[in-house]
């Protein structure tokens, strides 16, 4: 019995020793296996593109009418007719309103009658003078009589000239009874209604007419840009683009007209004026817009989507995908960002494959998998949302 127990214990000890030796043999083999590679990170990528890129200076400006006129009366009278509607487009010379012309027609008629009377008297005086001169040469009329008649003729000639001046003045006043548009433009809010008495001293006049085709823009840029602007204007006319306040919609394209003759010292800015054809009437007086002055064009400039630009402790950088499918940080110098595209001065080359969405999971050497089509659009949208989260 004791012998069997000893044999059983010996057998169990041998089995445990064999299992321990087997484990020691298998574990080094397992330790020698390489760890499983982490899955590739899905990203959206795009190539760095080389093309001509316009260089813009950006400012904020206010749209003003190219010409603006307050239509005022130059005479006093009752408005008997309004010939325009508020907000109507009018042309130079179009009738806007009429003032009662009767008082001024009466003045003209009276001045005309006075001239006709004085002309008749002048003709009689000249006829008498022509009779007196031959008589005086024969001794039948005195020299004093001839001189008196000459003076009367001169006096009547002056009276006729005065009458003609009064007629001209009366005709001018009568013409003022018709209020016409002095420019092509759009009428504003009417200040007086038909039947009211209009005066030359009315501060608001009858109506405001603003010329909006073409139209002007006054905008400001830092005074540090004054010298580059002067240098470029010496080469030719500069283009100015007008954008909406959200800087997404191009409203019109015009040209730079002038640079103001002085720097605004309180703000350190220079004011500029541009004009636009405004064919679609997207610009309106008083409108606040964003202005882009095209200063130059960068030939063969390198651009990439602005979303590729990341900010780090040392400045801007992008993730560039290598030929082995891994990413590396490349510090870059950004010249400008416009319409979602970044112009790169240095740090990348044309044709480089750059990550434009999905950067938040990347580290140097990370393997990536490029997404395309709808998957790329979804990843781009998700990346934008995650970047906005705190």
Protein backbone atom coordinates (compact mmCIF):
# COMPACT_ATOMS: atom_id res chain seq x y z
CA UNK A 1 0.00 0.00 0.00
CA UNK A 2 2.74 2.40 0.98
CA UNK A 3 4.65 1.41 -2.13
CA UNK A 4 1.70 2.35 -4.38
CA UNK A 5 1.36 5.76 -2.67
CA UNK A 6 5.04 6.48 -3.23
CA UNK A 7 4.75 5.53 -6.92
CA UNK A 8 1.70 7.82 -7.37
CA UNK A 9 3.48 10.80 -5.79
CA UNK A 10 6.53 10.17 -7.96
CA UNK A 11 4.37 10.02 -11.08
CA UNK A 12 2.61 13.31 -10.18
CA UNK A 13 5.96 15.04 -9.57
CA UNK A 14 7.27 13.83 -12.94
CA UNK A 15 4.15 15.13 -14.71
CA UNK A 16 4.50 18.58 -13.11
CA UNK A 17 8.17 18.74 -14.06
CA UNK A 18 7.36 17.84 -17.65
CA UNK A 19 4.65 20.52 -17.86
CA UNK A 20 7.04 23.16 -16.45
CA UNK A 21 9.74 22.25 -18.95
CA UNK A 22 7.22 22.38 -21.83
CA UNK A 23 6.07 25.88 -20.79
CA UNK A 24 9.65 27.11 -20.61
CA UNK A 25 10.23 25.83 -24.13
CA UNK A 26 7.05 27.46 -25.58
CA UNK A 27 7.28 30.93 -23.86
CA UNK A 28 10.52 32.09 -25.58
CA UNK A 29 8.91 31.25 -28.91
CA UNK A 30 5.90 33.39 -28.05
CA UNK A 31 8.09 36.23 -26.82
CA UNK A 32 9.98 36.20 -30.09
CA UNK A 33 6.79 36.94 -32.11
CA UNK A 34 6.47 40.62 -33.16
CA UNK A 35 3.51 42.63 -31.71
CA UNK A 36 0.50 43.15 -33.96
CA UNK A 37 0.69 46.43 -35.98
CA UNK A 38 -1.91 49.11 -35.02
CA UNK A 39 -4.65 49.69 -37.62
CA UNK A 40 -4.07 52.46 -40.17
CA UNK A 41 -5.77 55.79 -39.35
CA UNK A 42 -8.34 56.86 -41.99
CA UNK A 43 -7.67 60.36 -43.34
CA UNK A 44 -8.59 62.60 -46.26
CA UNK A 45 -5.64 63.83 -48.32
CA UNK A 46 -5.02 66.14 -51.25
CA UNK A 47 -2.09 67.06 -53.45
CA UNK A 48 -0.24 70.37 -53.21
CA UNK A 49 -1.15 72.21 -56.41
CA UNK A 50 1.02 74.69 -58.30
CA UNK A 51 -0.76 77.51 -60.19
CA UNK A 52 -1.01 81.29 -60.46
CA UNK A 53 -2.46 82.76 -57.26
CA UNK A 54 -3.72 86.36 -56.83
CA UNK A 55 -2.36 88.21 -53.80
CA UNK A 56 -5.00 90.26 -51.99
CA UNK A 57 -4.99 93.00 -49.42
CA UNK A 58 -8.19 92.88 -47.39
CA UNK A 59 -10.12 95.73 -45.88
CA UNK A 60 -13.61 96.79 -44.84
CA UNK A 61 -15.42 99.57 -46.64
CA UNK A 62 -18.70 101.42 -47.14
CA UNK A 63 -20.51 101.73 -50.45
CA UNK A 64 -21.37 105.29 -51.51
CA UNK A 65 -23.21 106.68 -54.51
CA UNK A 66 -20.98 107.62 -57.43
CA UNK A 67 -22.88 110.93 -57.51
CA UNK A 68 -25.52 112.12 -55.10
CA UNK A 69 -27.81 115.13 -55.58
CA UNK A 70 -30.59 116.57 -53.41
CA UNK A 71 -33.13 118.03 -55.83
CA UNK A 72 -34.11 121.46 -54.48
CA UNK A 73 -36.26 124.19 -55.93
CA UNK A 74 -34.66 127.50 -56.84
CA UNK A 75 -37.99 129.32 -56.61
CA UNK A 76 -40.90 129.39 -54.17
CA UNK A 77 -44.23 128.02 -55.28
CA UNK A 78 -46.90 125.37 -54.96
CA UNK A 79 -46.22 121.84 -56.17
CA UNK A 80 -48.95 121.08 -58.68
CA UNK A 81 -47.60 117.79 -60.05
CA UNK A 82 -45.29 114.96 -58.93
CA UNK A 83 -43.99 113.02 -61.94
CA UNK A 84 -41.93 110.24 -60.31
CA UNK A 85 -42.41 107.35 -57.91
CA UNK A 86 -40.13 106.78 -54.96
CA UNK A 87 -37.31 104.38 -55.79
CA UNK A 88 -37.71 104.94 -59.52
CA UNK A 89 -34.75 104.85 -61.87
CA UNK A 90 -34.52 108.22 -63.63
CA UNK A 91 -32.27 109.70 -66.28
CA UNK A 92 -30.72 113.13 -66.60
CA UNK A 93 -33.38 115.64 -67.67
CA UNK A 94 -36.39 113.53 -66.65
CA UNK A 95 -39.24 115.59 -65.17
CA UNK A 96 -39.65 115.04 -61.43
CA UNK A 97 -42.18 117.70 -60.42
CA UNK A 98 -43.83 120.94 -61.53
CA UNK A 99 -44.36 124.17 -59.59
CA UNK A 100 -47.30 126.48 -60.37
CA UNK A 101 -45.81 128.56 -63.25
CA UNK A 102 -48.47 131.30 -63.41
CA UNK A 103 -46.76 133.90 -61.17
CA UNK A 104 -43.54 133.51 -63.11
CA UNK A 105 -45.30 133.55 -66.47
CA UNK A 106 -46.87 136.86 -65.42
CA UNK A 107 -43.47 138.29 -64.52
CA UNK A 108 -42.16 137.24 -67.93
CA UNK A 109 -45.13 138.84 -69.71
CA UNK A 110 -44.66 142.09 -67.79
CA UNK A 111 -40.94 142.23 -68.54
CA UNK A 112 -41.65 141.58 -72.21
CA UNK A 113 -44.24 144.39 -72.34
CA UNK A 114 -41.83 146.85 -70.71
CA UNK A 115 -39.18 145.98 -73.26
CA UNK A 116 -41.59 146.47 -76.16
CA UNK A 117 -42.64 149.87 -74.76
CA UNK A 118 -39.06 151.02 -74.32
CA UNK A 119 -38.11 149.76 -77.76
CA UNK A 120 -40.91 151.83 -79.29
CA UNK A 121 -39.72 154.92 -77.45
CA UNK A 122 -36.17 154.20 -78.55
CA UNK A 123 -37.21 153.97 -82.19
CA UNK A 124 -39.00 157.34 -81.91
CA UNK A 125 -35.99 158.94 -80.24
CA UNK A 126 -33.64 157.61 -82.90
CA UNK A 127 -35.94 158.96 -85.64
CA UNK A 128 -35.96 162.41 -84.05
CA UNK A 129 -32.17 162.34 -83.75
CA UNK A 130 -31.85 161.53 -87.44
CA UNK A 131 -34.01 164.60 -88.24
CA UNK A 132 -32.16 166.96 -85.87
CA UNK A 133 -28.65 166.20 -87.10
CA UNK A 134 -29.17 167.53 -90.71
CA UNK A 135 -31.04 170.57 -89.37
CA UNK A 136 -28.21 171.39 -86.98
CA UNK A 137 -25.67 171.20 -89.82
CA UNK A 138 -27.70 173.85 -91.69
CA UNK A 139 -28.18 176.02 -88.63
CA UNK A 140 -31.91 175.30 -88.19
CA UNK A 141 -31.42 173.35 -84.93
CA UNK A 142 -29.24 174.06 -81.94
CA UNK A 143 -26.36 171.86 -80.89
CA UNK A 144 -27.94 171.55 -77.43
CA UNK A 145 -31.06 170.01 -78.93
CA UNK A 146 -29.00 167.42 -80.80
CA UNK A 147 -26.99 166.53 -77.68
CA UNK A 148 -30.15 166.20 -75.61
CA UNK A 149 -31.65 163.88 -78.18
CA UNK A 150 -28.50 161.75 -78.26
CA UNK A 151 -28.64 161.40 -74.47
CA UNK A 152 -32.28 160.35 -74.65
CA UNK A 153 -31.45 157.70 -77.24
CA UNK A 154 -28.64 156.33 -75.06
CA UNK A 155 -30.95 156.29 -72.04
CA UNK A 156 -33.62 154.36 -73.89
CA UNK A 157 -31.03 151.89 -75.23
CA UNK A 158 -29.94 151.18 -71.65
CA UNK A 159 -33.56 150.72 -70.58
CA UNK A 160 -34.08 148.19 -73.38
CA UNK A 161 -31.00 146.25 -72.24
CA UNK A 162 -32.32 146.28 -68.68
CA UNK A 163 -35.67 145.03 -69.91
CA UNK A 164 -33.97 142.20 -71.81
CA UNK A 165 -32.08 141.20 -68.66
CA UNK A 166 -35.35 141.13 -66.71
CA UNK A 167 -36.90 138.98 -69.45
CA UNK A 168 -33.99 136.55 -69.24
CA UNK A 169 -34.34 136.39 -65.46
CA UNK A 170 -38.10 135.80 -65.74
CA UNK A 171 -37.53 133.06 -68.32
CA UNK A 172 -35.01 131.41 -66.01
CA UNK A 173 -37.41 131.54 -63.06
CA UNK A 174 -40.17 130.12 -65.24
CA UNK A 175 -37.88 127.24 -66.27
CA UNK A 176 -37.28 126.50 -62.58
CA UNK A 177 -40.96 125.63 -62.31
CA UNK A 178 -40.01 122.27 -63.86
CA UNK A 179 -37.84 120.22 -61.50
CA UNK A 180 -35.77 117.71 -63.49
CA UNK A 181 -33.21 115.10 -62.54
CA UNK A 182 -29.65 116.44 -62.86
CA UNK A 183 -28.10 112.95 -63.14
CA UNK A 184 -28.90 109.33 -63.97
CA UNK A 185 -29.80 107.55 -60.77
CA UNK A 186 -32.42 106.21 -58.38
CA UNK A 187 -34.81 108.43 -56.46
CA UNK A 188 -35.12 108.10 -52.71
CA UNK A 189 -37.96 108.94 -50.33
CA UNK A 190 -40.04 111.95 -51.41
CA UNK A 191 -39.89 114.77 -48.87
CA UNK A 192 -42.85 116.86 -50.10
CA UNK A 193 -46.23 115.90 -51.46
CA UNK A 194 -48.29 117.50 -54.19
CA UNK A 195 -50.03 120.70 -53.05
CA UNK A 196 -47.31 121.81 -50.62
CA UNK A 197 -45.34 125.03 -50.94
CA UNK A 198 -41.71 124.35 -51.82
CA UNK A 199 -38.92 126.76 -50.90
CA UNK A 200 -35.26 127.04 -51.94
CA UNK A 201 -34.34 126.90 -48.23
CA UNK A 202 -35.98 123.52 -47.57
CA UNK A 203 -33.14 121.47 -45.99
CA UNK A 204 -34.22 118.12 -47.47
CA UNK A 205 -35.38 119.44 -50.82
CA UNK A 206 -37.86 117.42 -52.84
CA UNK A 207 -35.99 114.11 -53.22
CA UNK A 208 -32.51 112.63 -53.18
CA UNK A 209 -31.18 111.13 -56.43
CA UNK A 210 -28.25 108.71 -56.13
CA UNK A 211 -26.20 107.39 -59.04
CA UNK A 212 -25.57 103.69 -58.44
CA UNK A 213 -24.34 102.59 -61.88
CA UNK A 214 -21.43 102.95 -61.56
CA UNK A 215 -21.08 103.02 -57.79
CA UNK A 216 -18.18 103.75 -55.44
CA UNK A 217 -16.57 102.11 -52.44
CA UNK A 218 -14.49 103.77 -49.74
CA UNK A 219 -12.32 101.30 -47.80
CA UNK A 220 -9.27 101.38 -45.55
CA UNK A 221 -6.00 99.44 -45.40
CA UNK A 222 -3.05 99.65 -42.97
CA UNK A 223 -0.65 102.45 -43.79
CA UNK A 224 2.16 99.87 -44.04
CA UNK A 225 0.63 98.81 -47.36
CA UNK A 226 0.85 102.31 -48.83
CA UNK A 227 4.23 101.86 -50.54
CA UNK A 228 3.40 98.47 -52.17
CA UNK A 229 0.10 99.90 -53.42
CA UNK A 230 1.86 102.94 -54.90
CA UNK A 231 4.41 100.71 -56.61
CA UNK A 232 1.72 98.53 -58.18
CA UNK A 233 -0.53 101.42 -59.26
CA UNK A 234 2.46 102.86 -61.12
CA UNK A 235 2.38 99.70 -63.25
CA UNK A 236 -1.33 99.85 -64.07
CA UNK A 237 -4.88 99.85 -62.72
CA UNK A 238 -5.48 97.52 -59.78
CA UNK A 239 -8.53 95.26 -59.47
CA UNK A 240 -10.79 95.43 -56.42
CA UNK A 241 -13.29 92.71 -55.48
CA UNK A 242 -16.36 93.42 -53.35
CA UNK A 243 -17.54 90.63 -51.04
CA UNK A 244 -20.49 90.29 -48.68
CA UNK A 245 -20.04 90.75 -44.93
CA UNK A 246 -19.70 86.99 -44.40
CA UNK A 247 -16.92 87.06 -47.04
CA UNK A 248 -18.55 84.23 -49.00
CA UNK A 249 -20.32 85.95 -51.90
CA UNK A 250 -18.55 88.03 -54.54
CA UNK A 251 -20.80 91.02 -55.25
CA UNK A 252 -18.89 92.78 -58.01
CA UNK A 253 -15.49 93.43 -59.54
CA UNK A 254 -14.16 96.94 -60.08
CA UNK A 255 -11.03 99.03 -60.20
CA UNK A 256 -9.07 101.25 -57.86
CA UNK A 257 -9.73 104.93 -58.61
CA UNK A 258 -7.54 106.77 -56.14
CA UNK A 259 -5.56 106.75 -52.92
CA UNK A 260 -6.48 109.43 -50.40
CA UNK A 261 -4.05 112.33 -50.12
CA UNK A 262 -3.25 111.72 -46.45
CA UNK A 263 -2.87 109.01 -43.83
CA UNK A 264 -5.50 108.84 -41.08
CA UNK A 265 -3.15 109.20 -38.11
CA UNK A 266 -5.72 108.25 -35.46
CA UNK A 267 -6.16 104.78 -36.98
CA UNK A 268 -2.89 104.38 -38.91
CA UNK A 269 -4.77 103.59 -42.11
CA UNK A 270 -4.95 104.87 -45.67
CA UNK A 271 -8.31 105.38 -47.37
CA UNK A 272 -8.89 104.26 -50.94
CA UNK A 273 -11.74 104.66 -53.41
CA UNK A 274 -12.82 102.07 -55.97
CA UNK A 275 -15.60 102.08 -58.55
CA UNK A 276 -17.78 99.19 -59.71
CA UNK A 277 -20.13 98.89 -62.72
CA UNK A 278 -22.80 97.42 -60.40
CA UNK A 279 -24.72 95.91 -63.32
CA UNK A 280 -26.65 93.52 -61.05
CA UNK A 281 -27.19 96.22 -58.38
CA UNK A 282 -25.67 94.03 -55.67
CA UNK A 283 -24.01 97.11 -54.16
CA UNK A 284 -26.15 99.79 -52.48
CA UNK A 285 -25.19 103.11 -50.87
CA UNK A 286 -24.46 102.71 -47.17
CA UNK A 287 -23.75 98.97 -47.45
CA UNK A 288 -20.85 97.62 -45.38
CA UNK A 289 -18.78 95.12 -47.37
CA UNK A 290 -15.39 93.39 -47.46
CA UNK A 291 -12.95 94.65 -50.08
CA UNK A 292 -10.07 92.73 -51.64
CA UNK A 293 -7.44 94.74 -53.46
CA UNK A 294 -5.52 92.48 -55.86
CA UNK A 295 -1.99 93.70 -55.33
CA UNK A 296 -0.14 91.11 -57.42
CA UNK A 297 -0.25 87.56 -58.83
CA UNK A 298 2.05 84.82 -57.53
CA UNK A 299 3.23 82.76 -60.48
CA UNK A 300 3.30 78.98 -59.88
CA UNK A 301 2.21 79.43 -56.27
CA UNK A 302 1.74 76.33 -54.09
CA UNK A 303 -1.73 75.93 -52.59
CA UNK A 304 -3.52 73.42 -50.41
CA UNK A 305 -6.84 73.34 -48.60
CA UNK A 306 -6.73 75.66 -45.59
CA UNK A 307 -7.96 72.80 -43.38
CA UNK A 308 -4.54 71.15 -43.81
CA UNK A 309 -2.85 73.91 -41.81
CA UNK A 310 -2.32 72.97 -38.16
CA UNK A 311 -0.95 75.10 -35.36
CA UNK A 312 1.73 73.93 -32.97
CA UNK A 313 4.11 75.44 -30.41
CA UNK A 314 6.55 76.28 -33.18
CA UNK A 315 4.01 77.64 -35.64
CA UNK A 316 2.11 76.29 -38.61
CA UNK A 317 2.65 72.78 -39.96
CA UNK A 318 1.03 70.12 -42.15
CA UNK A 319 1.02 66.32 -42.16
CA UNK A 320 2.66 64.95 -45.31
CA UNK A 321 2.05 61.34 -46.32
CA UNK A 322 5.22 59.53 -47.39
CA UNK A 323 5.58 56.80 -49.97
CA UNK A 324 5.43 54.18 -47.18
CA UNK A 325 2.00 55.36 -46.04
CA UNK A 326 3.22 57.09 -42.87
CA UNK A 327 2.90 60.76 -41.99
CA UNK A 328 5.46 63.32 -40.90
CA UNK A 329 5.13 66.90 -39.72
CA UNK A 330 6.37 69.60 -42.12
CA UNK A 331 6.62 73.16 -40.79
CA UNK A 332 5.20 75.60 -43.36
CA UNK A 333 5.07 79.35 -43.96
CA UNK A 334 1.62 80.54 -45.02
CA UNK A 335 1.48 83.62 -47.26
CA UNK A 336 -2.30 84.01 -47.27
CA UNK A 337 -5.54 82.10 -46.84
CA UNK A 338 -8.30 82.97 -49.31
CA UNK A 339 -11.53 81.18 -50.22
CA UNK A 340 -10.52 78.08 -48.29
CA UNK A 341 -7.12 77.78 -49.97
CA UNK A 342 -3.78 78.42 -48.28
CA UNK A 343 -0.86 79.80 -50.28
CA UNK A 344 2.38 78.24 -49.00
CA UNK A 345 5.69 80.05 -49.16
CA UNK A 346 7.84 77.17 -47.90
CA UNK A 347 7.66 73.73 -46.29
CA UNK A 348 6.09 71.63 -49.05
CA UNK A 349 6.58 70.96 -52.74
CA UNK A 350 4.20 70.61 -55.65
CA UNK A 351 2.66 67.15 -55.71
CA UNK A 352 3.13 66.42 -51.99
CA UNK A 353 0.26 64.41 -50.52
CA UNK A 354 -1.04 66.35 -47.51
CA UNK A 355 -3.66 65.36 -44.92
CA UNK A 356 -6.58 67.82 -45.02
CA UNK A 357 -8.96 66.01 -42.59
CA UNK A 358 -8.49 63.54 -39.73
CA UNK A 359 -5.29 65.05 -38.28
CA UNK A 360 -6.44 64.85 -34.65
CA UNK A 361 -5.36 61.18 -34.36
CA UNK A 362 -1.99 61.53 -36.05
CA UNK A 363 1.52 61.30 -34.68
CA UNK A 364 4.85 61.19 -36.44
CA UNK A 365 5.19 57.82 -38.19
CA UNK A 366 1.48 56.92 -38.01
CA UNK A 367 0.25 54.72 -40.86
CA UNK A 368 -2.74 56.21 -42.62
CA UNK A 369 -5.41 55.02 -45.01
CA UNK A 370 -6.76 57.52 -47.52
CA UNK A 371 -10.50 57.86 -47.90
CA UNK A 372 -12.18 58.80 -51.16
CA UNK A 373 -15.62 59.76 -52.42
CA UNK A 374 -18.51 59.85 -49.96
CA UNK A 375 -16.39 58.38 -47.18
CA UNK A 376 -13.96 61.28 -47.58
CA UNK A 377 -16.80 63.81 -47.38
CA UNK A 378 -18.16 62.24 -44.20
CA UNK A 379 -14.69 62.13 -42.63
CA UNK A 380 -14.08 65.76 -43.58
CA UNK A 381 -17.35 66.81 -41.94
CA UNK A 382 -16.64 64.76 -38.80
CA UNK A 383 -13.15 66.26 -38.54
CA UNK A 384 -14.57 69.78 -38.75
CA UNK A 385 -17.05 69.03 -35.94
CA UNK A 386 -14.43 67.47 -33.68
CA UNK A 387 -12.06 70.39 -34.14
CA UNK A 388 -14.77 72.75 -32.94
CA UNK A 389 -15.45 70.75 -29.78
CA UNK A 390 -13.67 71.94 -26.57
